[in-house]
Amino acid sequence: MARIAGVNIPTNKRVEIALTYIYGIGRTKAREICQAVGIPSERRANELADADVIRIREVIDQNYMVEGDLRREVAMNIKRLMDMGCYRGLRHRRGLPVRGQRTHTNARTRKGRARPIAGKKK
């Protein structure tokens, strides 16, 4: 089992898909990494040689911010907005949708379960 950026890569999946298990790497970046290293897209993660894993690790370390560093930066960006007191920061603080979605209906993912209000019947 290969370990890249502190994440155990699943062995039975294609390398392109297995790299997406790393936070901050999606399908497009995984495809770019495979092309940079020179790994064919149909190769499985368990077929990778140790040299291939090392090359992948080097490419990711040099060119991409992943896992802990990326999580820390995202958290700091949200904290900066909240400390600043701007509209987006207030929405984060209240746990409401940040990007202009409607909240009269829907928005249950951000707001949580619907709580009944006593005496409201129409």
N, C-alpha and C. Protein backbone atom coordinates (compact mmCIF):
# COMPACT_ATOMS: atom_id res chain seq x y z
N MET A 1 0.84 -1.18 0.00
CA MET A 1 0.00 0.00 0.00
C MET A 1 0.88 1.24 0.00
N ALA A 2 0.73 2.08 -1.01
CA ALA A 2 1.53 3.30 -1.13
C ALA A 2 1.00 4.37 -0.19
N ARG A 3 1.92 5.16 0.34
CA ARG A 3 1.53 6.25 1.24
C ARG A 3 2.08 7.54 0.65
N ILE A 4 1.16 8.41 0.21
CA ILE A 4 1.55 9.68 -0.40
C ILE A 4 0.87 10.81 0.36
N ALA A 5 1.64 11.81 0.75
CA ALA A 5 1.13 12.99 1.48
C ALA A 5 0.38 12.57 2.74
N GLY A 6 0.82 11.52 3.40
CA GLY A 6 0.21 11.08 4.64
C GLY A 6 -1.09 10.33 4.47
N VAL A 7 -1.40 9.91 3.24
CA VAL A 7 -2.66 9.20 2.96
C VAL A 7 -2.33 7.84 2.37
N ASN A 8 -2.97 6.80 2.86
CA ASN A 8 -2.81 5.48 2.26
C ASN A 8 -3.62 5.42 0.97
N ILE A 9 -2.95 5.17 -0.13
CA ILE A 9 -3.60 5.11 -1.43
C ILE A 9 -4.20 3.72 -1.61
N PRO A 10 -5.49 3.62 -2.02
CA PRO A 10 -6.08 2.30 -2.25
C PRO A 10 -5.35 1.57 -3.38
N THR A 11 -5.09 0.29 -3.17
CA THR A 11 -4.22 -0.43 -4.11
C THR A 11 -4.93 -0.95 -5.34
N ASN A 12 -6.22 -1.27 -5.25
CA ASN A 12 -6.87 -1.92 -6.38
C ASN A 12 -7.48 -0.94 -7.38
N LYS A 13 -7.33 0.36 -7.17
CA LYS A 13 -7.90 1.35 -8.10
C LYS A 13 -6.83 1.86 -9.06
N ARG A 14 -7.30 2.46 -10.16
CA ARG A 14 -6.36 3.09 -11.09
C ARG A 14 -5.67 4.25 -10.39
N VAL A 15 -4.44 4.53 -10.78
CA VAL A 15 -3.63 5.55 -10.12
C VAL A 15 -4.35 6.90 -10.15
N GLU A 16 -4.95 7.22 -11.29
CA GLU A 16 -5.65 8.49 -11.47
C GLU A 16 -6.77 8.65 -10.45
N ILE A 17 -7.48 7.59 -10.16
CA ILE A 17 -8.58 7.62 -9.19
C ILE A 17 -8.02 7.56 -7.77
N ALA A 18 -6.99 6.76 -7.55
CA ALA A 18 -6.43 6.59 -6.22
C ALA A 18 -5.85 7.90 -5.68
N LEU A 19 -5.30 8.73 -6.56
CA LEU A 19 -4.72 10.00 -6.11
C LEU A 19 -5.79 10.97 -5.60
N THR A 20 -7.04 10.78 -6.03
CA THR A 20 -8.10 11.68 -5.58
C THR A 20 -8.46 11.46 -4.11
N TYR A 21 -7.93 10.41 -3.49
CA TYR A 21 -8.15 10.20 -2.06
C TYR A 21 -7.34 11.19 -1.22
N ILE A 22 -6.43 11.91 -1.85
CA ILE A 22 -5.65 12.93 -1.16
C ILE A 22 -6.45 14.23 -1.20
N TYR A 23 -6.62 14.88 -0.04
CA TYR A 23 -7.37 16.13 0.04
C TYR A 23 -6.65 17.20 -0.77
N GLY A 24 -7.36 17.80 -1.70
CA GLY A 24 -6.79 18.85 -2.54
C GLY A 24 -6.44 18.37 -3.94
N ILE A 25 -6.61 17.07 -4.21
CA ILE A 25 -6.34 16.54 -5.55
C ILE A 25 -7.63 15.93 -6.08
N GLY A 26 -8.10 16.48 -7.18
CA GLY A 26 -9.29 15.96 -7.84
C GLY A 26 -8.88 15.22 -9.11
N ARG A 27 -9.86 14.97 -9.96
CA ARG A 27 -9.59 14.21 -11.18
C ARG A 27 -8.61 14.94 -12.10
N THR A 28 -8.80 16.24 -12.28
CA THR A 28 -7.95 16.99 -13.21
C THR A 28 -6.50 17.02 -12.73
N LYS A 29 -6.29 17.35 -11.46
CA LYS A 29 -4.92 17.40 -10.93
C LYS A 29 -4.29 16.02 -10.94
N ALA A 30 -5.07 14.98 -10.65
CA ALA A 30 -4.54 13.62 -10.68
C ALA A 30 -4.08 13.26 -12.09
N ARG A 31 -4.86 13.65 -13.09
CA ARG A 31 -4.48 13.40 -14.48
C ARG A 31 -3.19 14.15 -14.82
N GLU A 32 -3.07 15.41 -14.37
CA GLU A 32 -1.85 16.20 -14.61
C GLU A 32 -0.64 15.53 -13.97
N ILE A 33 -0.80 15.04 -12.76
CA ILE A 33 0.30 14.39 -12.05
C ILE A 33 0.75 13.13 -12.78
N CYS A 34 -0.21 12.34 -13.25
CA CYS A 34 0.12 11.11 -13.99
C CYS A 34 0.87 11.44 -15.28
N GLN A 35 0.45 12.49 -15.96
CA GLN A 35 1.14 12.87 -17.20
C GLN A 35 2.54 13.38 -16.90
N ALA A 36 2.70 14.15 -15.80
CA ALA A 36 4.01 14.70 -15.45
C ALA A 36 4.99 13.58 -15.10
N VAL A 37 4.49 12.54 -14.43
CA VAL A 37 5.35 11.43 -14.02
C VAL A 37 5.54 10.44 -15.16
N GLY A 38 4.57 10.39 -16.08
CA GLY A 38 4.66 9.48 -17.21
C GLY A 38 4.06 8.12 -16.93
N ILE A 39 3.00 8.10 -16.15
CA ILE A 39 2.31 6.85 -15.82
C ILE A 39 1.09 6.73 -16.70
N PRO A 40 0.89 5.60 -17.38
CA PRO A 40 -0.32 5.43 -18.19
C PRO A 40 -1.57 5.42 -17.32
N SER A 41 -2.68 5.89 -17.88
CA SER A 41 -3.90 6.07 -17.08
C SER A 41 -4.54 4.76 -16.66
N GLU A 42 -4.26 3.67 -17.37
CA GLU A 42 -4.90 2.40 -17.02
C GLU A 42 -4.13 1.60 -15.98
N ARG A 43 -2.97 2.08 -15.53
CA ARG A 43 -2.18 1.35 -14.55
C ARG A 43 -2.83 1.43 -13.17
N ARG A 44 -2.76 0.32 -12.44
CA ARG A 44 -3.34 0.24 -11.09
C ARG A 44 -2.31 0.66 -10.05
N ALA A 45 -2.78 1.09 -8.91
CA ALA A 45 -1.88 1.58 -7.85
C ALA A 45 -0.99 0.47 -7.32
N ASN A 46 -1.49 -0.78 -7.31
CA ASN A 46 -0.64 -1.87 -6.81
C ASN A 46 0.44 -2.27 -7.80
N GLU A 47 0.35 -1.80 -9.04
CA GLU A 47 1.37 -2.09 -10.06
C GLU A 47 2.48 -1.05 -10.08
N LEU A 48 2.38 -0.02 -9.23
CA LEU A 48 3.39 1.03 -9.21
C LEU A 48 4.68 0.53 -8.57
N ALA A 49 5.79 0.90 -9.17
CA ALA A 49 7.09 0.59 -8.58
C ALA A 49 7.39 1.65 -7.51
N ASP A 50 8.35 1.35 -6.65
CA ASP A 50 8.72 2.31 -5.61
C ASP A 50 9.23 3.62 -6.21
N ALA A 51 9.93 3.53 -7.33
CA ALA A 51 10.44 4.73 -8.00
C ALA A 51 9.29 5.61 -8.48
N ASP A 52 8.22 4.98 -9.00
CA ASP A 52 7.06 5.75 -9.45
C ASP A 52 6.40 6.48 -8.29
N VAL A 53 6.27 5.80 -7.16
CA VAL A 53 5.64 6.41 -5.98
C VAL A 53 6.48 7.60 -5.52
N ILE A 54 7.78 7.45 -5.53
CA ILE A 54 8.67 8.55 -5.11
C ILE A 54 8.54 9.73 -6.06
N ARG A 55 8.47 9.46 -7.38
CA ARG A 55 8.31 10.54 -8.36
C ARG A 55 6.98 11.26 -8.17
N ILE A 56 5.91 10.50 -7.92
CA ILE A 56 4.60 11.11 -7.67
C ILE A 56 4.66 11.99 -6.43
N ARG A 57 5.28 11.47 -5.39
CA ARG A 57 5.41 12.22 -4.13
C ARG A 57 6.17 13.53 -4.35
N GLU A 58 7.24 13.49 -5.14
CA GLU A 58 8.03 14.69 -5.41
C GLU A 58 7.23 15.72 -6.19
N VAL A 59 6.49 15.26 -7.22
CA VAL A 59 5.68 16.18 -8.03
C VAL A 59 4.62 16.86 -7.16
N ILE A 60 3.97 16.10 -6.30
CA ILE A 60 2.94 16.66 -5.43
C ILE A 60 3.55 17.66 -4.45
N ASP A 61 4.69 17.32 -3.86
CA ASP A 61 5.32 18.22 -2.88
C ASP A 61 5.77 19.53 -3.53
N GLN A 62 6.27 19.46 -4.77
CA GLN A 62 6.77 20.66 -5.44
C GLN A 62 5.66 21.56 -5.96
N ASN A 63 4.60 20.97 -6.52
CA ASN A 63 3.65 21.77 -7.30
C ASN A 63 2.29 22.00 -6.66
N TYR A 64 1.92 21.23 -5.65
CA TYR A 64 0.55 21.31 -5.13
C TYR A 64 0.55 21.46 -3.63
N MET A 65 -0.45 22.20 -3.12
CA MET A 65 -0.68 22.29 -1.68
C MET A 65 -1.79 21.30 -1.36
N VAL A 66 -1.50 20.32 -0.51
CA VAL A 66 -2.46 19.27 -0.22
C VAL A 66 -2.54 19.01 1.28
N GLU A 67 -3.55 18.25 1.67
CA GLU A 67 -3.77 17.76 3.04
C GLU A 67 -3.66 18.85 4.10
N GLY A 68 -2.78 18.72 5.06
CA GLY A 68 -2.74 19.59 6.23
C GLY A 68 -2.54 21.06 5.89
N ASP A 69 -1.62 21.35 4.98
CA ASP A 69 -1.35 22.74 4.61
C ASP A 69 -2.58 23.39 3.98
N LEU A 70 -3.24 22.65 3.09
CA LEU A 70 -4.43 23.18 2.41
C LEU A 70 -5.58 23.36 3.40
N ARG A 71 -5.79 22.38 4.27
CA ARG A 71 -6.85 22.50 5.28
C ARG A 71 -6.60 23.70 6.19
N ARG A 72 -5.34 23.89 6.58
CA ARG A 72 -4.97 25.01 7.45
C ARG A 72 -5.23 26.34 6.74
N GLU A 73 -4.87 26.43 5.46
CA GLU A 73 -5.07 27.67 4.72
C GLU A 73 -6.55 28.00 4.56
N VAL A 74 -7.37 26.99 4.26
CA VAL A 74 -8.82 27.20 4.12
C VAL A 74 -9.40 27.67 5.45
N ALA A 75 -8.99 27.02 6.54
CA ALA A 75 -9.49 27.41 7.86
C ALA A 75 -9.07 28.83 8.21
N MET A 76 -7.85 29.20 7.86
CA MET A 76 -7.37 30.56 8.15
C MET A 76 -8.13 31.59 7.32
N ASN A 77 -8.46 31.24 6.06
CA ASN A 77 -9.23 32.16 5.22
C ASN A 77 -10.61 32.40 5.82
N ILE A 78 -11.26 31.32 6.28
CA ILE A 78 -12.59 31.46 6.89
C ILE A 78 -12.50 32.25 8.18
N LYS A 79 -11.47 31.99 8.99
CA LYS A 79 -11.29 32.71 10.25
C LYS A 79 -11.04 34.19 9.98
N ARG A 80 -10.28 34.51 8.93
CA ARG A 80 -10.02 35.91 8.57
C ARG A 80 -11.32 36.63 8.22
N LEU A 81 -12.19 35.96 7.44
CA LEU A 81 -13.47 36.56 7.09
C LEU A 81 -14.33 36.80 8.32
N MET A 82 -14.31 35.84 9.25
CA MET A 82 -15.12 35.97 10.46
C MET A 82 -14.59 37.09 11.36
N ASP A 83 -13.27 37.20 11.49
CA ASP A 83 -12.68 38.25 12.32
C ASP A 83 -12.91 39.62 11.73
N MET A 84 -12.91 39.69 10.42
CA MET A 84 -13.12 40.95 9.72
C MET A 84 -14.55 41.45 9.91
N GLY A 85 -15.48 40.50 10.09
CA GLY A 85 -16.88 40.87 10.29
C GLY A 85 -17.60 41.20 9.00
N CYS A 86 -17.06 40.74 7.88
CA CYS A 86 -17.72 41.00 6.60
C CYS A 86 -18.94 40.08 6.46
N TYR A 87 -19.72 40.30 5.43
CA TYR A 87 -20.97 39.56 5.24
C TYR A 87 -20.71 38.05 5.18
N ARG A 88 -19.71 37.64 4.39
CA ARG A 88 -19.40 36.21 4.27
C ARG A 88 -18.96 35.63 5.60
N GLY A 89 -18.20 36.41 6.38
CA GLY A 89 -17.79 35.95 7.69
C GLY A 89 -18.96 35.77 8.63
N LEU A 90 -19.94 36.68 8.57
CA LEU A 90 -21.13 36.55 9.41
C LEU A 90 -21.93 35.32 9.02
N ARG A 91 -22.03 35.03 7.73
CA ARG A 91 -22.76 33.85 7.28
C ARG A 91 -22.08 32.58 7.78
N HIS A 92 -20.73 32.55 7.74
CA HIS A 92 -20.00 31.40 8.27
C HIS A 92 -20.27 31.26 9.76
N ARG A 93 -20.23 32.37 10.48
CA ARG A 93 -20.42 32.34 11.93
C ARG A 93 -21.80 31.82 12.30
N ARG A 94 -22.81 32.20 11.52
CA ARG A 94 -24.19 31.79 11.83
C ARG A 94 -24.54 30.42 11.25
N GLY A 95 -23.66 29.86 10.43
CA GLY A 95 -23.93 28.55 9.86
C GLY A 95 -24.97 28.59 8.76
N LEU A 96 -25.01 29.68 8.02
CA LEU A 96 -25.96 29.84 6.92
C LEU A 96 -25.22 29.76 5.60
N PRO A 97 -25.94 29.61 4.47
CA PRO A 97 -25.26 29.56 3.17
C PRO A 97 -24.49 30.85 2.90
N VAL A 98 -23.30 30.71 2.35
CA VAL A 98 -22.39 31.84 2.19
C VAL A 98 -22.51 32.45 0.80
N ARG A 99 -22.88 31.68 -0.19
CA ARG A 99 -22.76 32.13 -1.57
C ARG A 99 -24.07 32.56 -2.20
N GLY A 100 -24.94 33.18 -1.44
CA GLY A 100 -26.12 33.80 -2.00
C GLY A 100 -27.30 32.89 -2.25
N GLN A 101 -27.29 31.67 -1.74
CA GLN A 101 -28.43 30.78 -1.96
C GLN A 101 -29.61 31.24 -1.12
N ARG A 102 -30.81 30.82 -1.53
CA ARG A 102 -32.00 31.19 -0.78
C ARG A 102 -32.09 30.38 0.50
N THR A 103 -32.70 30.97 1.53
CA THR A 103 -32.82 30.26 2.80
C THR A 103 -34.27 30.14 3.25
N HIS A 104 -35.20 30.73 2.52
CA HIS A 104 -36.62 30.61 2.90
C HIS A 104 -37.03 29.15 2.87
N THR A 105 -36.67 28.47 1.80
CA THR A 105 -36.81 27.02 1.74
C THR A 105 -35.42 26.48 1.41
N ASN A 106 -35.26 25.20 1.56
CA ASN A 106 -33.97 24.55 1.29
C ASN A 106 -32.89 25.01 2.27
N ALA A 107 -31.65 24.93 1.90
CA ALA A 107 -30.50 25.28 2.75
C ALA A 107 -30.41 24.39 3.99
N ARG A 108 -30.99 23.20 3.95
CA ARG A 108 -30.99 22.33 5.12
C ARG A 108 -29.59 21.77 5.44
N THR A 109 -28.75 21.68 4.44
CA THR A 109 -27.41 21.17 4.68
C THR A 109 -26.66 22.11 5.63
N ARG A 110 -26.78 23.41 5.41
CA ARG A 110 -26.09 24.38 6.25
C ARG A 110 -26.84 24.65 7.56
N LYS A 111 -28.17 24.71 7.50
CA LYS A 111 -28.94 25.12 8.66
C LYS A 111 -29.19 23.98 9.64
N GLY A 112 -29.09 22.74 9.19
CA GLY A 112 -29.36 21.61 10.05
C GLY A 112 -30.82 21.19 9.95
N ARG A 113 -31.24 20.29 10.82
CA ARG A 113 -32.61 19.78 10.78
C ARG A 113 -33.61 20.87 11.06
N ALA A 114 -34.79 20.78 10.43
CA ALA A 114 -35.85 21.75 10.65
C ALA A 114 -36.41 21.57 12.05
N ARG A 115 -36.44 22.64 12.82
CA ARG A 115 -36.97 22.60 14.17
C ARG A 115 -38.37 23.22 14.16
N PRO A 116 -39.35 22.56 14.74
CA PRO A 116 -40.71 23.11 14.74
C PRO A 116 -40.80 24.35 15.65
N ILE A 117 -41.60 25.29 15.22
CA ILE A 117 -41.80 26.52 15.99
C ILE A 117 -43.18 26.42 16.64
N ALA A 118 -43.24 26.60 17.96
CA ALA A 118 -44.49 26.44 18.70
C ALA A 118 -45.50 27.51 18.29
N GLY A 119 -46.72 27.08 18.01
CA GLY A 119 -47.81 28.01 17.72
C GLY A 119 -47.82 28.55 16.31
N LYS A 120 -46.98 28.05 15.42
CA LYS A 120 -46.97 28.54 14.04
C LYS A 120 -47.77 27.57 13.19
N LYS A 121 -48.98 27.98 12.81
CA LYS A 121 -49.83 27.14 11.97
C LYS A 121 -50.54 28.03 10.97
N LYS A 122 -50.52 27.63 9.72
CA LYS A 122 -51.22 28.42 8.71
C LYS A 122 -51.77 27.55 7.65
